Amino acid sequence: MVPKRWARRAVTRNAIKRQIYNVSERFVDRLPVAAHVVRLRTTFDRQKFISATSEPLKLAVRQELEQLFERAARPEVRT
């Protein structure tokens, strides 16, 4: 979910959603079969990412998503 309060412009929200879909496709074999929710929790600063579809924004989103999916794909260690 990409709430409007964290990504004001629709074009930014849609670009983030596309990134979620693209990155999640790479992890589909490593994730358990379930419904997964990806929720944006902080804003992407418009001062830092001037263009809604800029390469720096895409890179920042992709890096964050890859870390998130890597963590989700790791098998749980039970002690």
PDB file of N, CA and C in Angstrom:
ATOM      1  N   MET A   1       0.856  -1.169   0.000  1.00  0.00           N
ATOM      2  CA  MET A   1       0.000   0.000   0.000  1.00  0.00           C
ATOM      3  C   MET A   1       0.894   1.221   0.000  1.00  0.00           C
ATOM      4  N   VAL A   2       0.538   2.155  -0.807  1.00  0.00           N
ATOM      5  CA  VAL A   2       1.308   3.393  -0.893  1.00  0.00           C
ATOM      6  C   VAL A   2       0.345   4.548  -0.603  1.00  0.00           C
ATOM      7  N   PRO A   3       0.264   4.967   0.669  1.00  0.00           N
ATOM      8  CA  PRO A   3      -0.692   6.020   1.015  1.00  0.00           C
ATOM      9  C   PRO A   3      -0.301   7.376   0.445  1.00  0.00           C
ATOM     10  N   LYS A   4      -1.293   8.168   0.189  1.00  0.00           N
ATOM     11  CA  LYS A   4      -1.088   9.489  -0.389  1.00  0.00           C
ATOM     12  C   LYS A   4      -0.270  10.398   0.533  1.00  0.00           C
ATOM     13  N   ARG A   5      -0.351  10.168   1.827  1.00  0.00           N
ATOM     14  CA  ARG A   5       0.404  11.041   2.737  1.00  0.00           C
ATOM     15  C   ARG A   5       1.912  10.833   2.617  1.00  0.00           C
ATOM     16  N   TRP A   6       2.373   9.656   2.145  1.00  0.00           N
ATOM     17  CA  TRP A   6       3.799   9.386   2.012  1.00  0.00           C
ATOM     18  C   TRP A   6       4.316   9.624   0.605  1.00  0.00           C
ATOM     19  N   ALA A   7       3.461   9.504  -0.385  1.00  0.00           N
ATOM     20  CA  ALA A   7       3.846   9.788  -1.769  1.00  0.00           C
ATOM     21  C   ALA A   7       2.694  10.574  -2.385  1.00  0.00           C
ATOM     22  N   ARG A   8       2.830  11.870  -2.383  1.00  0.00           N
ATOM     23  CA  ARG A   8       1.732  12.761  -2.751  1.00  0.00           C
ATOM     24  C   ARG A   8       1.246  12.587  -4.187  1.00  0.00           C
ATOM     25  N   ARG A   9       2.166  12.469  -5.106  1.00  0.00           N
ATOM     26  CA  ARG A   9       1.789  12.422  -6.520  1.00  0.00           C
ATOM     27  C   ARG A   9       1.407  11.002  -6.942  1.00  0.00           C
ATOM     28  N   ALA A  10       0.330  10.888  -7.705  1.00  0.00           N
ATOM     29  CA  ALA A  10      -0.131   9.578  -8.180  1.00  0.00           C
ATOM     30  C   ALA A  10       0.938   8.898  -9.023  1.00  0.00           C
ATOM     31  N   VAL A  11       1.665   9.667  -9.800  1.00  0.00           N
ATOM     32  CA  VAL A  11       2.705   9.084 -10.641  1.00  0.00           C
ATOM     33  C   VAL A  11       3.802   8.451  -9.782  1.00  0.00           C
ATOM     34  N   THR A  12       4.099   9.036  -8.639  1.00  0.00           N
ATOM     35  CA  THR A  12       5.084   8.465  -7.720  1.00  0.00           C
ATOM     36  C   THR A  12       4.548   7.187  -7.096  1.00  0.00           C
ATOM     37  N   ARG A  13       3.304   7.219  -6.651  1.00  0.00           N
ATOM     38  CA  ARG A  13       2.702   6.020  -6.064  1.00  0.00           C
ATOM     39  C   ARG A  13       2.667   4.876  -7.070  1.00  0.00           C
ATOM     40  N   ASN A  14       2.298   5.164  -8.297  1.00  0.00           N
ATOM     41  CA  ASN A  14       2.251   4.129  -9.326  1.00  0.00           C
ATOM     42  C   ASN A  14       3.638   3.588  -9.647  1.00  0.00           C
ATOM     43  N   ALA A  15       4.645   4.462  -9.677  1.00  0.00           N
ATOM     44  CA  ALA A  15       6.019   4.015  -9.943  1.00  0.00           C
ATOM     45  C   ALA A  15       6.497   3.097  -8.816  1.00  0.00           C
ATOM     46  N   ILE A  16       6.155   3.424  -7.588  1.00  0.00           N
ATOM     47  CA  ILE A  16       6.537   2.591  -6.442  1.00  0.00           C
ATOM     48  C   ILE A  16       5.837   1.238  -6.526  1.00  0.00           C
ATOM     49  N   LYS A  17       4.559   1.236  -6.882  1.00  0.00           N
ATOM     50  CA  LYS A  17       3.820  -0.019  -7.019  1.00  0.00           C
ATOM     51  C   LYS A  17       4.436  -0.900  -8.103  1.00  0.00           C
ATOM     52  N   ARG A  18       4.833  -0.302  -9.226  1.00  0.00           N
ATOM     53  CA  ARG A  18       5.484  -1.077 -10.296  1.00  0.00           C
ATOM     54  C   ARG A  18       6.776  -1.698  -9.797  1.00  0.00           C
ATOM     55  N   GLN A  19       7.522  -0.950  -8.992  1.00  0.00           N
ATOM     56  CA  GLN A  19       8.762  -1.475  -8.413  1.00  0.00           C
ATOM     57  C   GLN A  19       8.451  -2.668  -7.503  1.00  0.00           C
ATOM     58  N   ILE A  20       7.401  -2.552  -6.714  1.00  0.00           N
ATOM     59  CA  ILE A  20       7.006  -3.654  -5.822  1.00  0.00           C
ATOM     60  C   ILE A  20       6.708  -4.896  -6.645  1.00  0.00           C
ATOM     61  N   TYR A  21       5.929  -4.743  -7.707  1.00  0.00           N
ATOM     62  CA  TYR A  21       5.581  -5.891  -8.550  1.00  0.00           C
ATOM     63  C   TYR A  21       6.826  -6.499  -9.189  1.00  0.00           C
ATOM     64  N   ASN A  22       7.722  -5.663  -9.706  1.00  0.00           N
ATOM     65  CA  ASN A  22       8.925  -6.159 -10.379  1.00  0.00           C
ATOM     66  C   ASN A  22       9.855  -6.896  -9.429  1.00  0.00           C
ATOM     67  N   VAL A  23      10.101  -6.323  -8.267  1.00  0.00           N
ATOM     68  CA  VAL A  23      11.007  -6.958  -7.308  1.00  0.00           C
ATOM     69  C   VAL A  23      10.376  -8.229  -6.745  1.00  0.00           C
ATOM     70  N   SER A  24       9.085  -8.198  -6.474  1.00  0.00           N
ATOM     71  CA  SER A  24       8.433  -9.379  -5.903  1.00  0.00           C
ATOM     72  C   SER A  24       8.449 -10.556  -6.868  1.00  0.00           C
ATOM     73  N   GLU A  25       8.419 -10.317  -8.166  1.00  0.00           N
ATOM     74  CA  GLU A  25       8.491 -11.399  -9.147  1.00  0.00           C
ATOM     75  C   GLU A  25       9.803 -12.173  -9.035  1.00  0.00           C
ATOM     76  N   ARG A  26      10.866 -11.493  -8.691  1.00  0.00           N
ATOM     77  CA  ARG A  26      12.175 -12.150  -8.555  1.00  0.00           C
ATOM     78  C   ARG A  26      12.245 -13.032  -7.315  1.00  0.00           C
ATOM     79  N   PHE A  27      11.392 -12.786  -6.336  1.00  0.00           N
ATOM     80  CA  PHE A  27      11.428 -13.527  -5.079  1.00  0.00           C
ATOM     81  C   PHE A  27      10.297 -14.538  -4.951  1.00  0.00           C
ATOM     82  N   VAL A  28       9.485 -14.694  -5.977  1.00  0.00           N
ATOM     83  CA  VAL A  28       8.289 -15.528  -5.883  1.00  0.00           C
ATOM     84  C   VAL A  28       8.620 -16.972  -5.504  1.00  0.00           C
ATOM     85  N   ASP A  29       9.734 -17.506  -5.965  1.00  0.00           N
ATOM     86  CA  ASP A  29      10.109 -18.887  -5.644  1.00  0.00           C
ATOM     87  C   ASP A  29      10.630 -19.039  -4.225  1.00  0.00           C
ATOM     88  N   ARG A  30      11.089 -17.952  -3.629  1.00  0.00           N
ATOM     89  CA  ARG A  30      11.697 -18.017  -2.303  1.00  0.00           C
ATOM     90  C   ARG A  30      10.743 -17.639  -1.178  1.00  0.00           C
ATOM     91  N   LEU A  31       9.604 -17.082  -1.518  1.00  0.00           N
ATOM     92  CA  LEU A  31       8.640 -16.657  -0.502  1.00  0.00           C
ATOM     93  C   LEU A  31       7.597 -17.738  -0.283  1.00  0.00           C
ATOM     94  N   PRO A  32       7.081 -17.856   0.922  1.00  0.00           N
ATOM     95  CA  PRO A  32       5.998 -18.823   1.155  1.00  0.00           C
ATOM     96  C   PRO A  32       4.745 -18.405   0.390  1.00  0.00           C
ATOM     97  N   VAL A  33       3.940 -19.378   0.059  1.00  0.00           N
ATOM     98  CA  VAL A  33       2.684 -19.091  -0.639  1.00  0.00           C
ATOM     99  C   VAL A  33       1.744 -18.443   0.367  1.00  0.00           C
ATOM    100  N   ALA A  34       1.479 -17.176   0.158  1.00  0.00           N
ATOM    101  CA  ALA A  34       0.622 -16.410   1.065  1.00  0.00           C
ATOM    102  C   ALA A  34       0.359 -15.049   0.438  1.00  0.00           C
ATOM    103  N   ALA A  35      -0.549 -14.327   1.014  1.00  0.00           N
ATOM    104  CA  ALA A  35      -0.777 -12.942   0.603  1.00  0.00           C
ATOM    105  C   ALA A  35       0.250 -12.083   1.337  1.00  0.00           C
ATOM    106  N   HIS A  36       0.994 -11.299   0.600  1.00  0.00           N
ATOM    107  CA  HIS A  36       2.018 -10.438   1.196  1.00  0.00           C
ATOM    108  C   HIS A  36       1.602  -8.979   1.017  1.00  0.00           C
ATOM    109  N   VAL A  37       1.795  -8.198   2.054  1.00  0.00           N
ATOM    110  CA  VAL A  37       1.462  -6.782   2.015  1.00  0.00           C
ATOM    111  C   VAL A  37       2.756  -5.993   2.158  1.00  0.00           C
ATOM    112  N   VAL A  38       2.970  -5.092   1.228  1.00  0.00           N
ATOM    113  CA  VAL A  38       4.111  -4.174   1.300  1.00  0.00           C
ATOM    114  C   VAL A  38       3.513  -2.802   1.547  1.00  0.00           C
ATOM    115  N   ARG A  39       3.934  -2.195   2.629  1.00  0.00           N
ATOM    116  CA  ARG A  39       3.346  -0.918   3.038  1.00  0.00           C
ATOM    117  C   ARG A  39       4.437   0.124   3.169  1.00  0.00           C
ATOM    118  N   LEU A  40       4.266   1.238   2.485  1.00  0.00           N
ATOM    119  CA  LEU A  40       5.193   2.357   2.592  1.00  0.00           C
ATOM    120  C   LEU A  40       5.003   3.002   3.957  1.00  0.00           C
ATOM    121  N   ARG A  41       6.103   3.145   4.701  1.00  0.00           N
ATOM    122  CA  ARG A  41       5.977   3.646   6.075  1.00  0.00           C
ATOM    123  C   ARG A  41       6.552   5.037   6.264  1.00  0.00           C
ATOM    124  N   THR A  42       7.355   5.496   5.325  1.00  0.00           N
ATOM    125  CA  THR A  42       7.898   6.845   5.429  1.00  0.00           C
ATOM    126  C   THR A  42       7.812   7.519   4.070  1.00  0.00           C
ATOM    127  N   THR A  43       7.935   8.808   4.100  1.00  0.00           N
ATOM    128  CA  THR A  43       7.803   9.593   2.882  1.00  0.00           C
ATOM    129  C   THR A  43       9.073   9.558   2.039  1.00  0.00           C
ATOM    130  N   PHE A  44       8.890   9.786   0.765  1.00  0.00           N
ATOM    131  CA  PHE A  44      10.020  10.029  -0.125  1.00  0.00           C
ATOM    132  C   PHE A  44      10.046  11.531  -0.341  1.00  0.00           C
ATOM    133  N   ASP A  45      11.067  12.175   0.172  1.00  0.00           N
ATOM    134  CA  ASP A  45      11.186  13.626   0.196  1.00  0.00           C
ATOM    135  C   ASP A  45      11.186  14.215  -1.213  1.00  0.00           C
ATOM    136  N   ARG A  46      10.257  15.117  -1.475  1.00  0.00           N
ATOM    137  CA  ARG A  46      10.166  15.759  -2.792  1.00  0.00           C
ATOM    138  C   ARG A  46      11.352  16.670  -3.053  1.00  0.00           C
ATOM    139  N   GLN A  47      12.022  17.126  -2.010  1.00  0.00           N
ATOM    140  CA  GLN A  47      13.208  17.957  -2.200  1.00  0.00           C
ATOM    141  C   GLN A  47      14.378  17.113  -2.708  1.00  0.00           C
ATOM    142  N   LYS A  48      14.454  15.887  -2.217  1.00  0.00           N
ATOM    143  CA  LYS A  48      15.539  14.992  -2.612  1.00  0.00           C
ATOM    144  C   LYS A  48      15.244  14.306  -3.945  1.00  0.00           C
ATOM    145  N   PHE A  49      13.998  13.912  -4.144  1.00  0.00           N
ATOM    146  CA  PHE A  49      13.581  13.232  -5.365  1.00  0.00           C
ATOM    147  C   PHE A  49      12.617  14.154  -6.111  1.00  0.00           C
ATOM    148  N   ILE A  50      13.172  15.063  -6.892  1.00  0.00           N
ATOM    149  CA  ILE A  50      12.376  16.104  -7.536  1.00  0.00           C
ATOM    150  C   ILE A  50      11.398  15.520  -8.546  1.00  0.00           C
ATOM    151  N   SER A  51      11.886  14.613  -9.386  1.00  0.00           N
ATOM    152  CA  SER A  51      11.023  13.992 -10.387  1.00  0.00           C
ATOM    153  C   SER A  51      10.351  12.769  -9.787  1.00  0.00           C
ATOM    154  N   ALA A  52       9.083  12.594 -10.115  1.00  0.00           N
ATOM    155  CA  ALA A  52       8.323  11.476  -9.567  1.00  0.00           C
ATOM    156  C   ALA A  52       8.818  10.135 -10.074  1.00  0.00           C
ATOM    157  N   THR A  53       9.474  10.132 -11.218  1.00  0.00           N
ATOM    158  CA  THR A  53       9.979   8.873 -11.778  1.00  0.00           C
ATOM    159  C   THR A  53      11.480   8.957 -12.038  1.00  0.00           C
ATOM    160  N   SER A  54      12.194   9.681 -11.200  1.00  0.00           N
ATOM    161  CA  SER A  54      13.630   9.857 -11.390  1.00  0.00           C
ATOM    162  C   SER A  54      14.390   8.558 -11.104  1.00  0.00           C
ATOM    163  N   GLU A  55      15.541   8.420 -11.703  1.00  0.00           N
ATOM    164  CA  GLU A  55      16.387   7.247 -11.467  1.00  0.00           C
ATOM    165  C   GLU A  55      16.806   7.127 -10.002  1.00  0.00           C
ATOM    166  N   PRO A  56      17.177   8.233  -9.332  1.00  0.00           N
ATOM    167  CA  PRO A  56      17.525   8.094  -7.903  1.00  0.00           C
ATOM    168  C   PRO A  56      16.360   7.564  -7.063  1.00  0.00           C
ATOM    169  N   LEU A  57      15.135   7.984  -7.363  1.00  0.00           N
ATOM    170  CA  LEU A  57      13.974   7.478  -6.629  1.00  0.00           C
ATOM    171  C   LEU A  57      13.780   5.996  -6.913  1.00  0.00           C
ATOM    172  N   LYS A  58      13.869   5.609  -8.173  1.00  0.00           N
ATOM    173  CA  LYS A  58      13.713   4.194  -8.530  1.00  0.00           C
ATOM    174  C   LYS A  58      14.766   3.343  -7.838  1.00  0.00           C
ATOM    175  N   LEU A  59      15.990   3.827  -7.795  1.00  0.00           N
ATOM    176  CA  LEU A  59      17.071   3.096  -7.146  1.00  0.00           C
ATOM    177  C   LEU A  59      16.831   2.970  -5.641  1.00  0.00           C
ATOM    178  N   ALA A  60      16.422   4.064  -5.008  1.00  0.00           N
ATOM    179  CA  ALA A  60      16.161   4.038  -3.562  1.00  0.00           C
ATOM    180  C   ALA A  60      15.031   3.065  -3.229  1.00  0.00           C
ATOM    181  N   VAL A  61      13.967   3.085  -4.025  1.00  0.00           N
ATOM    182  CA  VAL A  61      12.834   2.190  -3.793  1.00  0.00           C
ATOM    183  C   VAL A  61      13.265   0.750  -4.007  1.00  0.00           C
ATOM    184  N   ARG A  62      13.980   0.489  -5.099  1.00  0.00           N
ATOM    185  CA  ARG A  62      14.414  -0.879  -5.415  1.00  0.00           C
ATOM    186  C   ARG A  62      15.320  -1.437  -4.317  1.00  0.00           C
ATOM    187  N   GLN A  63      16.260  -0.636  -3.824  1.00  0.00           N
ATOM    188  CA  GLN A  63      17.160  -1.106  -2.771  1.00  0.00           C
ATOM    189  C   GLN A  63      16.385  -1.448  -1.497  1.00  0.00           C
ATOM    190  N   GLU A  64      15.461  -0.601  -1.137  1.00  0.00           N
ATOM    191  CA  GLU A  64      14.670  -0.849   0.071  1.00  0.00           C
ATOM    192  C   GLU A  64      13.812  -2.103  -0.089  1.00  0.00           C
ATOM    193  N   LEU A  65      13.215  -2.267  -1.263  1.00  0.00           N
ATOM    194  CA  LEU A  65      12.377  -3.439  -1.515  1.00  0.00           C
ATOM    195  C   LEU A  65      13.204  -4.725  -1.522  1.00  0.00           C
ATOM    196  N   GLU A  66      14.384  -4.678  -2.123  1.00  0.00           N
ATOM    197  CA  GLU A  66      15.223  -5.875  -2.152  1.00  0.00           C
ATOM    198  C   GLU A  66      15.616  -6.301  -0.746  1.00  0.00           C
ATOM    199  N   GLN A  67      15.934  -5.336   0.118  1.00  0.00           N
ATOM    200  CA  GLN A  67      16.249  -5.665   1.511  1.00  0.00           C
ATOM    201  C   GLN A  67      15.036  -6.281   2.205  1.00  0.00           C
ATOM    202  N   LEU A  68      13.867  -5.707   1.974  1.00  0.00           N
ATOM    203  CA  LEU A  68      12.647  -6.207   2.592  1.00  0.00           C
ATOM    204  C   LEU A  68      12.341  -7.634   2.139  1.00  0.00           C
ATOM    205  N   PHE A  69      12.416  -7.882   0.836  1.00  0.00           N
ATOM    206  CA  PHE A  69      12.110  -9.211   0.325  1.00  0.00           C
ATOM    207  C   PHE A  69      13.181 -10.229   0.717  1.00  0.00           C
ATOM    208  N   GLU A  70      14.427  -9.812   0.800  1.00  0.00           N
ATOM    209  CA  GLU A  70      15.490 -10.716   1.270  1.00  0.00           C
ATOM    210  C   GLU A  70      15.182 -11.171   2.696  1.00  0.00           C
ATOM    211  N   ARG A  71      14.791 -10.233   3.530  1.00  0.00           N
ATOM    212  CA  ARG A  71      14.472 -10.556   4.920  1.00  0.00           C
ATOM    213  C   ARG A  71      13.254 -11.479   4.996  1.00  0.00           C
ATOM    214  N   ALA A  72      12.252 -11.215   4.160  1.00  0.00           N
ATOM    215  CA  ALA A  72      11.036 -12.038   4.165  1.00  0.00           C
ATOM    216  C   ALA A  72      11.302 -13.437   3.610  1.00  0.00           C
ATOM    217  N   ALA A  73      12.265 -13.568   2.719  1.00  0.00           N
ATOM    218  CA  ALA A  73      12.548 -14.854   2.076  1.00  0.00           C
ATOM    219  C   ALA A  73      13.437 -15.751   2.932  1.00  0.00           C
ATOM    220  N   ARG A  74      14.101 -15.162   3.926  1.00  0.00           N
ATOM    221  CA  ARG A  74      14.963 -15.966   4.808  1.00  0.00           C
ATOM    222  C   ARG A  74      14.131 -16.923   5.638  1.00  0.00           C
ATOM    223  N   PRO A  75      14.580 -18.169   5.738  1.00  0.00           N
ATOM    224  CA  PRO A  75      13.839 -19.093   6.595  1.00  0.00           C
ATOM    225  C   PRO A  75      13.961 -18.663   8.058  1.00  0.00           C
ATOM    226  N   GLU A  76      12.891 -18.868   8.792  1.00  0.00           N
ATOM    227  CA  GLU A  76      12.903 -18.507  10.211  1.00  0.00           C
ATOM    228  C   GLU A  76      13.809 -19.441  10.979  1.00  0.00           C
ATOM    229  N   VAL A  77      14.547 -18.884  11.890  1.00  0.00           N
ATOM    230  CA  VAL A  77      15.390 -19.689  12.766  1.00  0.00           C
ATOM    231  C   VAL A  77      14.676 -19.756  14.104  1.00  0.00           C
ATOM    232  N   ARG A  78      14.294 -20.948  14.482  1.00  0.00           N
ATOM    233  CA  ARG A  78      13.573 -21.124  15.756  1.00  0.00           C
ATOM    234  C   ARG A  78      14.544 -21.631  16.809  1.00  0.00           C
ATOM    235  N   THR A  79      14.461 -21.050  17.970  1.00  0.00           N
ATOM    236  CA  THR A  79      15.345 -21.478  19.063  1.00  0.00           C
ATOM    237  C   THR A  79      14.552 -22.049  20.202  1.00  0.00           C
TER     238      THR A  79
END
